Every structure is written in structure tokens, then in C-alpha cells.
Amino acid sequence: MNKYIVKSLIAAGLLSAGFAAHAHQAGDIIVRAGVANVAPDESSQDVAGFGEFQVSNNTQLGLNFGYMVTDNFGVELLAATPFTHDVSLEGVGKIAETKQLPPTLVAQYYFGNANSKFRPYVGAGVNFTNFFDNEFTENDKAAPLGLNSLSIENSWGFAAQIGADYQINKNWLVNASVWYADIGTDVKFNSTALNADVSIETDINPMVYMVSVGYTF
């Protein structure tokens, strides 16, 4: 799906020259809903000789809410239903699950003008990620580390996006977008095997791929 979205953005850009329609303009409110896939590019400190944490992808309902300040500048809030990720260690397998909500606020620049049917855009801003329902799985009771008391700190970081809207008619549009979020956290737990409280610096830094349908007010 990731390659498909990127190719679609490029193809739409090449095919859009010369199209004209009433599209985004100052004062418009844009609401989009679709499928969002979070694909972590994770790295961490070594976990007691078992390597780094591995974090699974997850797909959920993605929502974003935009406001056009001018014909070319806008602001947008990304939201979603909670993402659920499996956390694994090499040689041990899945050891934990976590859920997270990543509200992200960006300022955007839209290329073209208010009469353009196709509006590619770029954005940059800030991401806040709230981790919750963090728990080790039952399988870890047999794992060599004897893990318990899992906590994952919330994260603030930089966010960037690239995307495009294609206006179907006055109100309806289709959208494809790619986001990057700088997510760094400390994963804390107790290990009975090590007889210690442990804190592991972990970067998740996902790419978020989203396809959606939008409505302009």
C-alpha cells in the first residue's frame, strides 16, 4: 500500500495539468476520513542482550480536520482511532502490547490556486503521542527476562507530511497523504531475572500512510 500511495501522488500530479474546478479557498473547512497505516521505523537500546525492540504496523480509521487560512495556507489536525502495536524481541517473540493515539497539528502550503482541481501540499508541525494500555503478554511469563510493570512515556516531536487532494465536485474530494512523526520514548519495566528496574530509550519514528475521502464546507 505504501508504494501505491506514493505512485498515485506522482501520477495524479502529472495528469492534473489543465484541470479547473472550484477547490480549496480561504475560509474552507475540510474533513477527511479514511484508512491510516502506521509503519514504525523503530530502534532502541539493547534489551539485556536480546537486541532491540521490534514494533508491528497497525491500520486504523484516520481522521483529519483542516482549515484554509488563505487560498494557499492551511492548518490541519490528524486524529485516528487508537493504534495497537505488538512489541517483540528477537529470539523471544512477542512480549507486549501497547496502544497509542498520535494527534498531530501541522501548518500547510497548498500548491496551485483556488480554481485547481488537484491540490498537492506539504506540511510541518508537531506530534504528541499518548501511549496507554501497556502490558506484557502472558507468553512472557515463560520468557527469560521475567518482565512486569510496563510503562511507556508519552512523546512530543516534529512531524511532516506530503499529500494531495483531488476535487470531485464542489464539496467532495479524494486524498492521499504520507506523514512522518518523530516519536522518542523511554520504555520502563521491571525484570525479575535481572532483579532491576530497567529503562530503554526507544525511537519509533513511523511513516503514516493514509487514503481518504473528504468533504469541504
N, C-alpha and C. Protein backbone atom coordinates (compact mmCIF):
# COMPACT_ATOMS: atom_id res chain seq x y z
N MET A 1 0.83 -1.20 0.00
CA MET A 1 0.00 0.00 0.00
C MET A 1 0.87 1.25 0.00
N ASN A 2 2.04 1.21 0.66
CA ASN A 2 2.90 2.38 0.76
C ASN A 2 3.36 2.85 -0.61
N LYS A 3 3.87 1.92 -1.47
CA LYS A 3 4.34 2.27 -2.80
C LYS A 3 3.18 2.76 -3.65
N TYR A 4 2.00 2.17 -3.48
CA TYR A 4 0.84 2.56 -4.26
C TYR A 4 0.48 4.02 -4.00
N ILE A 5 0.52 4.45 -2.74
CA ILE A 5 0.15 5.84 -2.41
C ILE A 5 1.12 6.82 -3.03
N VAL A 6 2.44 6.53 -2.89
CA VAL A 6 3.45 7.43 -3.45
C VAL A 6 3.30 7.53 -4.96
N LYS A 7 3.11 6.39 -5.65
CA LYS A 7 2.95 6.39 -7.09
C LYS A 7 1.68 7.13 -7.50
N SER A 8 0.63 6.99 -6.71
CA SER A 8 -0.63 7.67 -7.02
C SER A 8 -0.47 9.18 -6.95
N LEU A 9 0.28 9.66 -5.95
CA LEU A 9 0.51 11.10 -5.82
C LEU A 9 1.27 11.64 -7.04
N ILE A 10 2.29 10.90 -7.47
CA ILE A 10 3.08 11.34 -8.62
C ILE A 10 2.24 11.33 -9.89
N ALA A 11 1.50 10.23 -10.09
CA ALA A 11 0.68 10.11 -11.29
C ALA A 11 -0.39 11.19 -11.35
N ALA A 12 -1.02 11.45 -10.20
CA ALA A 12 -2.07 12.46 -10.17
C ALA A 12 -1.52 13.84 -10.51
N GLY A 13 -0.30 14.10 -10.05
CA GLY A 13 0.34 15.38 -10.34
C GLY A 13 0.60 15.55 -11.82
N LEU A 14 1.05 14.48 -12.51
CA LEU A 14 1.35 14.55 -13.93
C LEU A 14 0.09 14.69 -14.77
N LEU A 15 -1.00 14.09 -14.30
CA LEU A 15 -2.24 14.08 -15.08
C LEU A 15 -3.12 15.29 -14.82
N SER A 16 -2.77 16.09 -13.80
CA SER A 16 -3.70 17.13 -13.36
C SER A 16 -3.56 18.45 -14.09
N ALA A 17 -2.52 18.62 -14.89
CA ALA A 17 -2.30 19.91 -15.55
C ALA A 17 -3.50 20.26 -16.41
N GLY A 18 -3.96 21.48 -16.29
CA GLY A 18 -5.04 21.95 -17.11
C GLY A 18 -6.43 21.75 -16.54
N PHE A 19 -6.57 20.97 -15.45
CA PHE A 19 -7.87 20.79 -14.84
C PHE A 19 -8.28 22.08 -14.13
N ALA A 20 -9.54 22.37 -14.11
CA ALA A 20 -10.03 23.56 -13.41
C ALA A 20 -11.33 23.22 -12.70
N ALA A 21 -11.43 23.63 -11.48
CA ALA A 21 -12.66 23.43 -10.70
C ALA A 21 -12.58 24.32 -9.50
N HIS A 22 -13.71 24.53 -8.85
CA HIS A 22 -13.70 25.29 -7.62
C HIS A 22 -13.21 24.39 -6.51
N ALA A 23 -12.03 24.69 -5.98
CA ALA A 23 -11.43 23.84 -4.95
C ALA A 23 -11.26 24.64 -3.66
N HIS A 24 -10.19 24.36 -2.91
CA HIS A 24 -10.00 24.99 -1.61
C HIS A 24 -9.77 26.50 -1.75
N GLN A 25 -10.38 27.24 -0.84
CA GLN A 25 -10.15 28.68 -0.78
C GLN A 25 -10.25 29.13 0.66
N ALA A 26 -9.81 30.34 0.91
CA ALA A 26 -9.77 30.87 2.27
C ALA A 26 -11.13 30.71 2.95
N GLY A 27 -11.09 30.21 4.20
CA GLY A 27 -12.29 30.04 4.98
C GLY A 27 -12.90 28.65 4.90
N ASP A 28 -12.43 27.81 3.97
CA ASP A 28 -12.97 26.46 3.85
C ASP A 28 -12.57 25.58 5.04
N ILE A 29 -13.48 24.73 5.45
CA ILE A 29 -13.21 23.68 6.43
C ILE A 29 -13.25 22.34 5.69
N ILE A 30 -12.20 21.53 5.87
CA ILE A 30 -12.09 20.25 5.15
C ILE A 30 -12.03 19.12 6.18
N VAL A 31 -12.93 18.17 6.04
CA VAL A 31 -12.94 16.99 6.91
C VAL A 31 -12.68 15.77 6.05
N ARG A 32 -11.69 14.96 6.44
CA ARG A 32 -11.34 13.75 5.69
C ARG A 32 -11.42 12.54 6.61
N ALA A 33 -11.84 11.40 6.05
CA ALA A 33 -11.88 10.15 6.80
C ALA A 33 -11.44 9.02 5.88
N GLY A 34 -10.62 8.11 6.41
CA GLY A 34 -10.15 7.02 5.57
C GLY A 34 -9.33 6.03 6.36
N VAL A 35 -8.46 5.33 5.66
CA VAL A 35 -7.63 4.28 6.24
C VAL A 35 -6.22 4.82 6.46
N ALA A 36 -5.72 4.67 7.69
CA ALA A 36 -4.38 5.13 8.04
C ALA A 36 -3.55 3.96 8.54
N ASN A 37 -2.37 3.78 7.96
CA ASN A 37 -1.46 2.71 8.35
C ASN A 37 -0.21 3.31 8.98
N VAL A 38 0.09 2.89 10.21
CA VAL A 38 1.30 3.34 10.91
C VAL A 38 2.37 2.27 10.75
N ALA A 39 3.50 2.65 10.17
CA ALA A 39 4.61 1.72 9.92
C ALA A 39 5.85 2.22 10.66
N PRO A 40 6.11 1.72 11.88
CA PRO A 40 7.25 2.19 12.66
C PRO A 40 8.59 1.87 12.01
N ASP A 41 9.53 2.79 12.16
CA ASP A 41 10.94 2.56 11.81
C ASP A 41 11.71 2.59 13.12
N GLU A 42 11.54 1.54 13.92
CA GLU A 42 11.94 1.56 15.32
C GLU A 42 13.42 1.24 15.51
N SER A 43 13.96 1.77 16.60
CA SER A 43 15.30 1.41 17.07
C SER A 43 15.31 1.66 18.58
N SER A 44 16.16 0.92 19.28
CA SER A 44 16.23 1.09 20.73
C SER A 44 17.59 0.66 21.24
N GLN A 45 17.83 0.94 22.49
CA GLN A 45 18.98 0.37 23.16
C GLN A 45 18.81 -1.16 23.24
N ASP A 46 19.92 -1.85 23.40
CA ASP A 46 19.86 -3.30 23.55
C ASP A 46 19.11 -3.67 24.83
N VAL A 47 18.26 -4.69 24.71
CA VAL A 47 17.45 -5.13 25.84
C VAL A 47 18.07 -6.41 26.41
N ALA A 48 18.95 -6.25 27.36
CA ALA A 48 19.56 -7.37 28.11
C ALA A 48 20.13 -8.46 27.19
N GLY A 49 20.76 -8.03 26.10
CA GLY A 49 21.39 -9.00 25.20
C GLY A 49 20.46 -9.63 24.19
N PHE A 50 19.16 -9.23 24.17
CA PHE A 50 18.20 -9.80 23.23
C PHE A 50 17.95 -8.91 22.03
N GLY A 51 18.76 -7.89 21.86
CA GLY A 51 18.59 -6.99 20.73
C GLY A 51 17.63 -5.85 21.01
N GLU A 52 17.16 -5.23 19.94
CA GLU A 52 16.30 -4.07 20.04
C GLU A 52 14.82 -4.48 20.03
N PHE A 53 13.98 -3.56 20.53
CA PHE A 53 12.54 -3.75 20.42
C PHE A 53 12.13 -3.74 18.95
N GLN A 54 11.16 -4.57 18.61
CA GLN A 54 10.54 -4.57 17.30
C GLN A 54 9.06 -4.24 17.49
N VAL A 55 8.56 -3.29 16.68
CA VAL A 55 7.19 -2.79 16.85
C VAL A 55 6.41 -3.02 15.56
N SER A 56 5.24 -3.63 15.66
CA SER A 56 4.46 -4.01 14.48
C SER A 56 3.71 -2.82 13.88
N ASN A 57 3.36 -2.96 12.59
CA ASN A 57 2.49 -2.00 11.93
C ASN A 57 1.05 -2.16 12.43
N ASN A 58 0.23 -1.12 12.18
CA ASN A 58 -1.18 -1.24 12.51
C ASN A 58 -1.98 -0.27 11.65
N THR A 59 -3.20 -0.68 11.29
CA THR A 59 -4.08 0.14 10.45
C THR A 59 -5.37 0.45 11.21
N GLN A 60 -5.78 1.72 11.15
CA GLN A 60 -6.98 2.16 11.83
C GLN A 60 -7.72 3.20 10.99
N LEU A 61 -8.87 3.64 11.50
CA LEU A 61 -9.60 4.74 10.88
C LEU A 61 -8.84 6.04 11.12
N GLY A 62 -8.48 6.73 10.05
CA GLY A 62 -7.81 8.01 10.16
C GLY A 62 -8.77 9.16 9.91
N LEU A 63 -8.62 10.22 10.66
CA LEU A 63 -9.45 11.41 10.52
C LEU A 63 -8.55 12.63 10.50
N ASN A 64 -8.87 13.60 9.65
CA ASN A 64 -8.19 14.89 9.80
C ASN A 64 -9.14 16.04 9.50
N PHE A 65 -8.82 17.14 10.12
CA PHE A 65 -9.68 18.32 10.10
C PHE A 65 -8.82 19.51 9.69
N GLY A 66 -9.14 20.12 8.55
CA GLY A 66 -8.34 21.22 8.03
C GLY A 66 -9.11 22.52 7.94
N TYR A 67 -8.37 23.61 7.99
CA TYR A 67 -8.95 24.94 7.81
C TYR A 67 -8.03 25.75 6.90
N MET A 68 -8.59 26.33 5.85
CA MET A 68 -7.81 27.13 4.92
C MET A 68 -7.76 28.58 5.42
N VAL A 69 -6.58 29.00 5.86
CA VAL A 69 -6.40 30.37 6.34
C VAL A 69 -6.42 31.34 5.16
N THR A 70 -5.74 30.96 4.08
CA THR A 70 -5.79 31.67 2.81
C THR A 70 -6.03 30.63 1.72
N ASP A 71 -5.99 31.04 0.46
CA ASP A 71 -6.17 30.08 -0.62
C ASP A 71 -5.03 29.06 -0.67
N ASN A 72 -3.87 29.41 -0.10
CA ASN A 72 -2.71 28.53 -0.20
C ASN A 72 -2.19 28.02 1.14
N PHE A 73 -2.55 28.66 2.24
CA PHE A 73 -2.06 28.24 3.54
C PHE A 73 -3.21 27.68 4.38
N GLY A 74 -2.93 26.55 5.03
CA GLY A 74 -3.93 25.93 5.88
C GLY A 74 -3.32 25.34 7.13
N VAL A 75 -4.17 24.91 8.04
CA VAL A 75 -3.73 24.17 9.22
C VAL A 75 -4.56 22.89 9.28
N GLU A 76 -3.97 21.82 9.83
CA GLU A 76 -4.65 20.54 9.84
C GLU A 76 -4.33 19.76 11.10
N LEU A 77 -5.33 19.09 11.64
CA LEU A 77 -5.17 18.22 12.80
C LEU A 77 -5.43 16.78 12.36
N LEU A 78 -4.45 15.91 12.59
CA LEU A 78 -4.60 14.49 12.31
C LEU A 78 -5.05 13.77 13.57
N ALA A 79 -6.07 12.94 13.44
CA ALA A 79 -6.55 12.12 14.56
C ALA A 79 -6.84 10.72 14.01
N ALA A 80 -7.15 9.79 14.91
CA ALA A 80 -7.41 8.42 14.49
C ALA A 80 -8.02 7.65 15.66
N THR A 81 -8.59 6.48 15.33
CA THR A 81 -8.93 5.55 16.39
C THR A 81 -7.62 4.94 16.91
N PRO A 82 -7.59 4.44 18.15
CA PRO A 82 -6.32 4.02 18.75
C PRO A 82 -5.60 2.92 17.95
N PHE A 83 -4.31 3.13 17.75
CA PHE A 83 -3.46 2.13 17.10
C PHE A 83 -2.96 1.14 18.15
N THR A 84 -2.94 -0.14 17.79
CA THR A 84 -2.46 -1.19 18.67
C THR A 84 -1.21 -1.82 18.05
N HIS A 85 -0.13 -1.91 18.83
CA HIS A 85 1.13 -2.44 18.32
C HIS A 85 1.63 -3.59 19.18
N ASP A 86 2.13 -4.64 18.51
CA ASP A 86 2.83 -5.71 19.20
C ASP A 86 4.29 -5.32 19.36
N VAL A 87 4.85 -5.61 20.52
CA VAL A 87 6.27 -5.35 20.79
C VAL A 87 6.97 -6.70 20.95
N SER A 88 8.06 -6.89 20.21
CA SER A 88 8.74 -8.19 20.19
C SER A 88 10.23 -8.02 20.46
N LEU A 89 10.86 -9.13 20.81
CA LEU A 89 12.32 -9.23 20.92
C LEU A 89 12.79 -10.40 20.08
N GLU A 90 13.91 -10.23 19.39
CA GLU A 90 14.44 -11.30 18.57
C GLU A 90 14.81 -12.50 19.46
N GLY A 91 14.37 -13.67 19.05
CA GLY A 91 14.66 -14.88 19.81
C GLY A 91 13.68 -15.15 20.93
N VAL A 92 12.86 -14.15 21.25
CA VAL A 92 11.85 -14.31 22.30
C VAL A 92 10.45 -14.26 21.70
N GLY A 93 10.26 -13.40 20.69
CA GLY A 93 8.96 -13.20 20.07
C GLY A 93 8.20 -12.07 20.73
N LYS A 94 6.90 -12.09 20.56
CA LYS A 94 6.06 -11.03 21.12
C LYS A 94 6.11 -11.07 22.64
N ILE A 95 6.35 -9.88 23.23
CA ILE A 95 6.42 -9.81 24.68
C ILE A 95 5.40 -8.83 25.26
N ALA A 96 4.86 -7.95 24.42
CA ALA A 96 3.98 -6.91 24.98
C ALA A 96 3.08 -6.33 23.91
N GLU A 97 2.08 -5.59 24.37
CA GLU A 97 1.20 -4.81 23.51
C GLU A 97 1.09 -3.41 24.06
N THR A 98 0.90 -2.45 23.15
CA THR A 98 0.64 -1.08 23.57
C THR A 98 -0.35 -0.45 22.61
N LYS A 99 -1.08 0.54 23.11
CA LYS A 99 -1.97 1.33 22.27
C LYS A 99 -1.47 2.76 22.29
N GLN A 100 -1.75 3.48 21.21
CA GLN A 100 -1.31 4.87 21.16
C GLN A 100 -2.25 5.71 20.30
N LEU A 101 -2.36 6.97 20.69
CA LEU A 101 -3.07 7.98 19.91
C LEU A 101 -2.08 9.07 19.55
N PRO A 102 -1.98 9.43 18.25
CA PRO A 102 -0.94 10.37 17.81
C PRO A 102 -1.48 11.70 17.25
N PRO A 103 -2.25 12.48 17.99
CA PRO A 103 -2.73 13.74 17.41
C PRO A 103 -1.57 14.59 16.92
N THR A 104 -1.72 15.11 15.70
CA THR A 104 -0.64 15.84 15.04
C THR A 104 -1.20 17.10 14.41
N LEU A 105 -0.57 18.23 14.70
CA LEU A 105 -1.02 19.52 14.18
C LEU A 105 0.06 20.08 13.25
N VAL A 106 -0.33 20.43 12.01
CA VAL A 106 0.63 20.93 11.04
C VAL A 106 0.12 22.20 10.37
N ALA A 107 1.06 23.03 9.95
CA ALA A 107 0.78 24.14 9.05
C ALA A 107 1.11 23.68 7.64
N GLN A 108 0.27 24.05 6.67
CA GLN A 108 0.39 23.50 5.32
C GLN A 108 0.50 24.60 4.26
N TYR A 109 1.19 24.23 3.17
CA TYR A 109 1.18 25.08 1.98
C TYR A 109 0.61 24.27 0.83
N TYR A 110 -0.46 24.77 0.21
CA TYR A 110 -1.10 24.14 -0.94
C TYR A 110 -0.61 24.79 -2.23
N PHE A 111 -0.16 23.96 -3.16
CA PHE A 111 0.27 24.46 -4.46
C PHE A 111 -0.94 24.70 -5.35
N GLY A 112 -0.76 25.48 -6.40
CA GLY A 112 -1.88 25.80 -7.28
C GLY A 112 -2.69 26.95 -6.74
N ASN A 113 -3.93 27.06 -7.20
CA ASN A 113 -4.81 28.14 -6.76
C ASN A 113 -6.21 27.60 -6.50
N ALA A 114 -7.12 28.50 -6.12
CA ALA A 114 -8.45 28.08 -5.71
C ALA A 114 -9.26 27.46 -6.84
N ASN A 115 -8.81 27.62 -8.09
CA ASN A 115 -9.51 27.02 -9.23
C ASN A 115 -8.89 25.69 -9.65
N SER A 116 -7.85 25.24 -8.93
CA SER A 116 -7.18 24.00 -9.30
C SER A 116 -7.96 22.81 -8.76
N LYS A 117 -8.21 21.84 -9.63
CA LYS A 117 -8.91 20.65 -9.20
C LYS A 117 -8.00 19.75 -8.36
N PHE A 118 -6.72 19.76 -8.68
CA PHE A 118 -5.72 18.95 -7.99
C PHE A 118 -4.85 19.87 -7.13
N ARG A 119 -4.79 19.62 -5.80
CA ARG A 119 -4.04 20.49 -4.89
C ARG A 119 -3.04 19.67 -4.09
N PRO A 120 -1.82 19.52 -4.58
CA PRO A 120 -0.78 18.92 -3.73
C PRO A 120 -0.38 19.89 -2.64
N TYR A 121 0.13 19.35 -1.52
CA TYR A 121 0.51 20.21 -0.41
C TYR A 121 1.62 19.56 0.41
N VAL A 122 2.28 20.40 1.19
CA VAL A 122 3.28 19.94 2.15
C VAL A 122 2.94 20.58 3.49
N GLY A 123 3.36 19.94 4.57
CA GLY A 123 3.07 20.47 5.90
C GLY A 123 4.15 20.11 6.89
N ALA A 124 4.23 20.89 7.95
CA ALA A 124 5.17 20.63 9.05
C ALA A 124 4.55 21.13 10.34
N GLY A 125 4.86 20.41 11.43
CA GLY A 125 4.27 20.79 12.71
C GLY A 125 4.76 19.93 13.84
N VAL A 126 3.85 19.61 14.75
CA VAL A 126 4.23 18.91 15.98
C VAL A 126 3.30 17.71 16.21
N ASN A 127 3.90 16.65 16.74
CA ASN A 127 3.16 15.44 17.07
C ASN A 127 3.21 15.20 18.57
N PHE A 128 2.06 14.79 19.14
CA PHE A 128 2.01 14.32 20.52
C PHE A 128 1.48 12.89 20.48
N THR A 129 2.23 11.96 21.07
CA THR A 129 1.80 10.56 21.09
C THR A 129 1.55 10.12 22.52
N ASN A 130 0.33 9.66 22.77
CA ASN A 130 -0.07 9.18 24.08
C ASN A 130 -0.12 7.66 24.07
N PHE A 131 0.75 7.00 24.84
CA PHE A 131 0.76 5.55 24.97
C PHE A 131 -0.10 5.14 26.17
N PHE A 132 -0.91 4.09 25.99
CA PHE A 132 -1.75 3.63 27.09
C PHE A 132 -2.03 2.14 26.92
N ASP A 133 -2.64 1.55 27.94
CA ASP A 133 -2.91 0.10 27.95
C ASP A 133 -1.66 -0.70 27.62
N ASN A 134 -0.55 -0.32 28.26
CA ASN A 134 0.72 -1.02 28.04
C ASN A 134 0.76 -2.25 28.93
N GLU A 135 0.99 -3.42 28.34
CA GLU A 135 1.02 -4.62 29.16
C GLU A 135 1.86 -5.71 28.50
N PHE A 136 2.54 -6.47 29.35
CA PHE A 136 3.25 -7.65 28.86
C PHE A 136 2.25 -8.77 28.62
N THR A 137 2.52 -9.61 27.62
CA THR A 137 1.62 -10.70 27.29
C THR A 137 1.86 -11.89 28.20
N GLU A 138 0.90 -12.79 28.19
CA GLU A 138 1.02 -14.00 29.01
C GLU A 138 2.23 -14.83 28.62
N ASN A 139 2.60 -14.77 27.33
CA ASN A 139 3.74 -15.56 26.86
C ASN A 139 5.04 -15.18 27.57
N ASP A 140 5.12 -13.95 28.06
CA ASP A 140 6.38 -13.53 28.69
C ASP A 140 6.62 -14.20 30.03
N LYS A 141 5.61 -14.82 30.61
CA LYS A 141 5.83 -15.50 31.88
C LYS A 141 6.86 -16.61 31.73
N ALA A 142 7.00 -17.12 30.49
CA ALA A 142 8.00 -18.17 30.25
C ALA A 142 9.27 -17.61 29.64
N ALA A 143 9.32 -16.32 29.40
CA ALA A 143 10.49 -15.71 28.78
C ALA A 143 11.61 -15.53 29.80
N PRO A 144 12.85 -15.45 29.34
CA PRO A 144 13.97 -15.42 30.27
C PRO A 144 14.13 -14.13 31.07
N LEU A 145 13.45 -13.06 30.68
CA LEU A 145 13.65 -11.80 31.38
C LEU A 145 12.72 -11.62 32.57
N GLY A 146 11.58 -12.31 32.60
CA GLY A 146 10.65 -12.15 33.70
C GLY A 146 10.17 -10.72 33.82
N LEU A 147 9.48 -10.22 32.79
CA LEU A 147 9.13 -8.80 32.69
C LEU A 147 7.79 -8.50 33.35
N ASN A 148 7.71 -7.32 33.98
CA ASN A 148 6.45 -6.86 34.56
C ASN A 148 6.50 -5.35 34.71
N SER A 149 5.38 -4.74 35.08
CA SER A 149 5.27 -3.29 35.38
C SER A 149 5.72 -2.44 34.19
N LEU A 150 5.11 -2.67 33.02
CA LEU A 150 5.48 -1.93 31.82
C LEU A 150 4.86 -0.54 31.80
N SER A 151 5.68 0.45 31.45
CA SER A 151 5.18 1.81 31.21
C SER A 151 5.95 2.40 30.03
N ILE A 152 5.26 3.22 29.23
CA ILE A 152 5.86 3.87 28.07
C ILE A 152 5.53 5.35 28.15
N GLU A 153 6.56 6.19 28.17
CA GLU A 153 6.35 7.63 28.32
C GLU A 153 5.75 8.23 27.06
N ASN A 154 4.89 9.23 27.24
CA ASN A 154 4.35 9.97 26.11
C ASN A 154 5.45 10.75 25.41
N SER A 155 5.18 11.16 24.18
CA SER A 155 6.22 11.77 23.35
C SER A 155 5.72 13.03 22.66
N TRP A 156 6.60 14.05 22.59
CA TRP A 156 6.41 15.23 21.74
C TRP A 156 7.50 15.22 20.69
N GLY A 157 7.16 15.55 19.44
CA GLY A 157 8.19 15.56 18.41
C GLY A 157 7.75 16.27 17.14
N PHE A 158 8.68 16.39 16.22
CA PHE A 158 8.46 17.03 14.93
C PHE A 158 7.61 16.13 14.03
N ALA A 159 6.80 16.74 13.17
CA ALA A 159 6.00 15.99 12.20
C ALA A 159 6.06 16.70 10.85
N ALA A 160 5.99 15.91 9.78
CA ALA A 160 5.97 16.46 8.42
C ALA A 160 5.02 15.62 7.57
N GLN A 161 4.52 16.21 6.50
CA GLN A 161 3.60 15.49 5.62
C GLN A 161 3.72 15.97 4.19
N ILE A 162 3.30 15.11 3.28
CA ILE A 162 3.11 15.46 1.88
C ILE A 162 1.81 14.78 1.45
N GLY A 163 1.02 15.48 0.66
CA GLY A 163 -0.25 14.90 0.27
C GLY A 163 -0.86 15.62 -0.91
N ALA A 164 -2.03 15.18 -1.30
CA ALA A 164 -2.74 15.80 -2.41
C ALA A 164 -4.23 15.54 -2.29
N ASP A 165 -5.01 16.56 -2.63
CA ASP A 165 -6.46 16.44 -2.74
C ASP A 165 -6.84 16.51 -4.22
N TYR A 166 -7.82 15.71 -4.60
CA TYR A 166 -8.39 15.80 -5.94
C TYR A 166 -9.88 16.06 -5.79
N GLN A 167 -10.31 17.23 -6.25
CA GLN A 167 -11.68 17.68 -6.06
C GLN A 167 -12.60 16.99 -7.06
N ILE A 168 -13.58 16.20 -6.58
CA ILE A 168 -14.53 15.51 -7.45
C ILE A 168 -15.63 16.47 -7.90
N ASN A 169 -16.15 17.24 -6.94
CA ASN A 169 -17.14 18.28 -7.25
C ASN A 169 -16.97 19.39 -6.22
N LYS A 170 -17.96 20.24 -6.09
CA LYS A 170 -17.83 21.40 -5.21
C LYS A 170 -17.48 21.02 -3.78
N ASN A 171 -18.02 19.91 -3.28
CA ASN A 171 -17.84 19.55 -1.88
C ASN A 171 -16.97 18.33 -1.64
N TRP A 172 -17.01 17.34 -2.52
CA TRP A 172 -16.35 16.07 -2.26
C TRP A 172 -14.98 15.99 -2.91
N LEU A 173 -14.06 15.30 -2.23
CA LEU A 173 -12.71 15.13 -2.74
C LEU A 173 -12.17 13.78 -2.30
N VAL A 174 -11.09 13.36 -2.95
CA VAL A 174 -10.32 12.19 -2.51
C VAL A 174 -8.92 12.66 -2.18
N ASN A 175 -8.28 11.94 -1.27
CA ASN A 175 -6.99 12.39 -0.74
C ASN A 175 -6.05 11.21 -0.55
N ALA A 176 -4.77 11.48 -0.74
CA ALA A 176 -3.71 10.54 -0.35
C ALA A 176 -2.63 11.36 0.34
N SER A 177 -2.09 10.85 1.45
CA SER A 177 -1.08 11.60 2.18
C SER A 177 -0.11 10.66 2.87
N VAL A 178 1.10 11.17 3.08
CA VAL A 178 2.15 10.45 3.79
C VAL A 178 2.67 11.36 4.89
N TRP A 179 2.75 10.81 6.11
CA TRP A 179 3.20 11.57 7.26
C TRP A 179 4.46 10.94 7.85
N TYR A 180 5.29 11.79 8.47
CA TYR A 180 6.40 11.30 9.28
C TYR A 180 6.27 11.92 10.67
N ALA A 181 6.48 11.11 11.70
CA ALA A 181 6.41 11.61 13.08
C ALA A 181 7.67 11.19 13.84
N ASP A 182 8.28 12.15 14.50
CA ASP A 182 9.46 11.89 15.32
C ASP A 182 8.97 11.51 16.72
N ILE A 183 8.97 10.21 17.01
CA ILE A 183 8.45 9.70 18.28
C ILE A 183 9.58 9.01 19.04
N GLY A 184 9.99 9.61 20.14
CA GLY A 184 11.00 9.02 21.00
C GLY A 184 10.45 8.87 22.41
N THR A 185 10.72 7.73 23.04
CA THR A 185 10.14 7.46 24.36
C THR A 185 11.09 6.63 25.20
N ASP A 186 10.82 6.55 26.47
CA ASP A 186 11.51 5.63 27.38
C ASP A 186 10.55 4.51 27.75
N VAL A 187 10.97 3.28 27.49
CA VAL A 187 10.18 2.11 27.85
C VAL A 187 10.72 1.59 29.18
N LYS A 188 9.86 1.58 30.20
CA LYS A 188 10.31 1.22 31.55
C LYS A 188 9.59 -0.05 32.01
N PHE A 189 10.34 -0.91 32.71
CA PHE A 189 9.76 -2.15 33.21
C PHE A 189 10.65 -2.71 34.30
N ASN A 190 10.14 -3.72 34.98
CA ASN A 190 10.92 -4.45 35.98
C ASN A 190 11.23 -5.83 35.44
N SER A 191 12.46 -6.31 35.68
CA SER A 191 12.86 -7.65 35.27
C SER A 191 13.23 -8.45 36.51
N THR A 192 12.47 -9.51 36.77
CA THR A 192 12.80 -10.36 37.92
C THR A 192 14.09 -11.12 37.68
N ALA A 193 14.39 -11.44 36.41
CA ALA A 193 15.63 -12.16 36.10
C ALA A 193 16.84 -11.29 36.38
N LEU A 194 16.72 -9.99 36.09
CA LEU A 194 17.82 -9.06 36.32
C LEU A 194 17.75 -8.44 37.71
N ASN A 195 16.61 -8.65 38.39
CA ASN A 195 16.39 -8.05 39.70
C ASN A 195 16.64 -6.54 39.65
N ALA A 196 15.99 -5.89 38.66
CA ALA A 196 16.25 -4.46 38.46
C ALA A 196 15.09 -3.80 37.73
N ASP A 197 14.94 -2.49 37.96
CA ASP A 197 14.08 -1.66 37.13
C ASP A 197 14.90 -1.18 35.94
N VAL A 198 14.31 -1.27 34.75
CA VAL A 198 15.05 -1.00 33.51
C VAL A 198 14.35 0.10 32.73
N SER A 199 15.14 0.97 32.10
CA SER A 199 14.61 2.00 31.21
C SER A 199 15.36 1.92 29.88
N ILE A 200 14.62 1.74 28.79
CA ILE A 200 15.21 1.57 27.46
C ILE A 200 14.79 2.73 26.57
N GLU A 201 15.77 3.51 26.09
CA GLU A 201 15.47 4.59 25.16
C GLU A 201 15.06 3.97 23.82
N THR A 202 13.90 4.41 23.32
CA THR A 202 13.34 3.80 22.11
C THR A 202 12.83 4.88 21.16
N ASP A 203 13.23 4.78 19.90
CA ASP A 203 12.70 5.64 18.84
C ASP A 203 11.75 4.81 17.98
N ILE A 204 10.57 5.35 17.70
CA ILE A 204 9.59 4.64 16.89
C ILE A 204 9.50 5.25 15.48
N ASN A 205 9.47 6.56 15.40
CA ASN A 205 9.61 7.32 14.15
C ASN A 205 8.87 6.70 12.96
N PRO A 206 7.55 6.60 13.04
CA PRO A 206 6.81 5.92 11.97
C PRO A 206 6.57 6.79 10.75
N MET A 207 6.34 6.12 9.63
CA MET A 207 5.68 6.71 8.48
C MET A 207 4.20 6.34 8.60
N VAL A 208 3.34 7.29 8.29
CA VAL A 208 1.89 7.06 8.32
C VAL A 208 1.35 7.28 6.91
N TYR A 209 0.70 6.26 6.38
CA TYR A 209 0.16 6.31 5.02
C TYR A 209 -1.36 6.32 5.10
N MET A 210 -1.96 7.30 4.40
CA MET A 210 -3.41 7.45 4.54
C MET A 210 -4.06 7.72 3.18
N VAL A 211 -5.16 7.03 2.92
CA VAL A 211 -6.03 7.34 1.78
C VAL A 211 -7.41 7.62 2.35
N SER A 212 -8.08 8.63 1.81
CA SER A 212 -9.32 9.07 2.45
C SER A 212 -10.25 9.75 1.46
N VAL A 213 -11.46 9.97 1.92
CA VAL A 213 -12.46 10.76 1.22
C VAL A 213 -12.74 11.99 2.09
N GLY A 214 -12.88 13.15 1.45
CA GLY A 214 -13.07 14.37 2.22
C GLY A 214 -14.30 15.16 1.78
N TYR A 215 -14.72 16.06 2.66
CA TYR A 215 -15.87 16.94 2.38
C TYR A 215 -15.46 18.35 2.76
N THR A 216 -15.74 19.29 1.88
CA THR A 216 -15.40 20.70 2.09
C THR A 216 -16.64 21.50 2.44
N PHE A 217 -16.57 22.23 3.55
CA PHE A 217 -17.68 23.08 3.97
C PHE A 217 -17.42 24.53 3.56
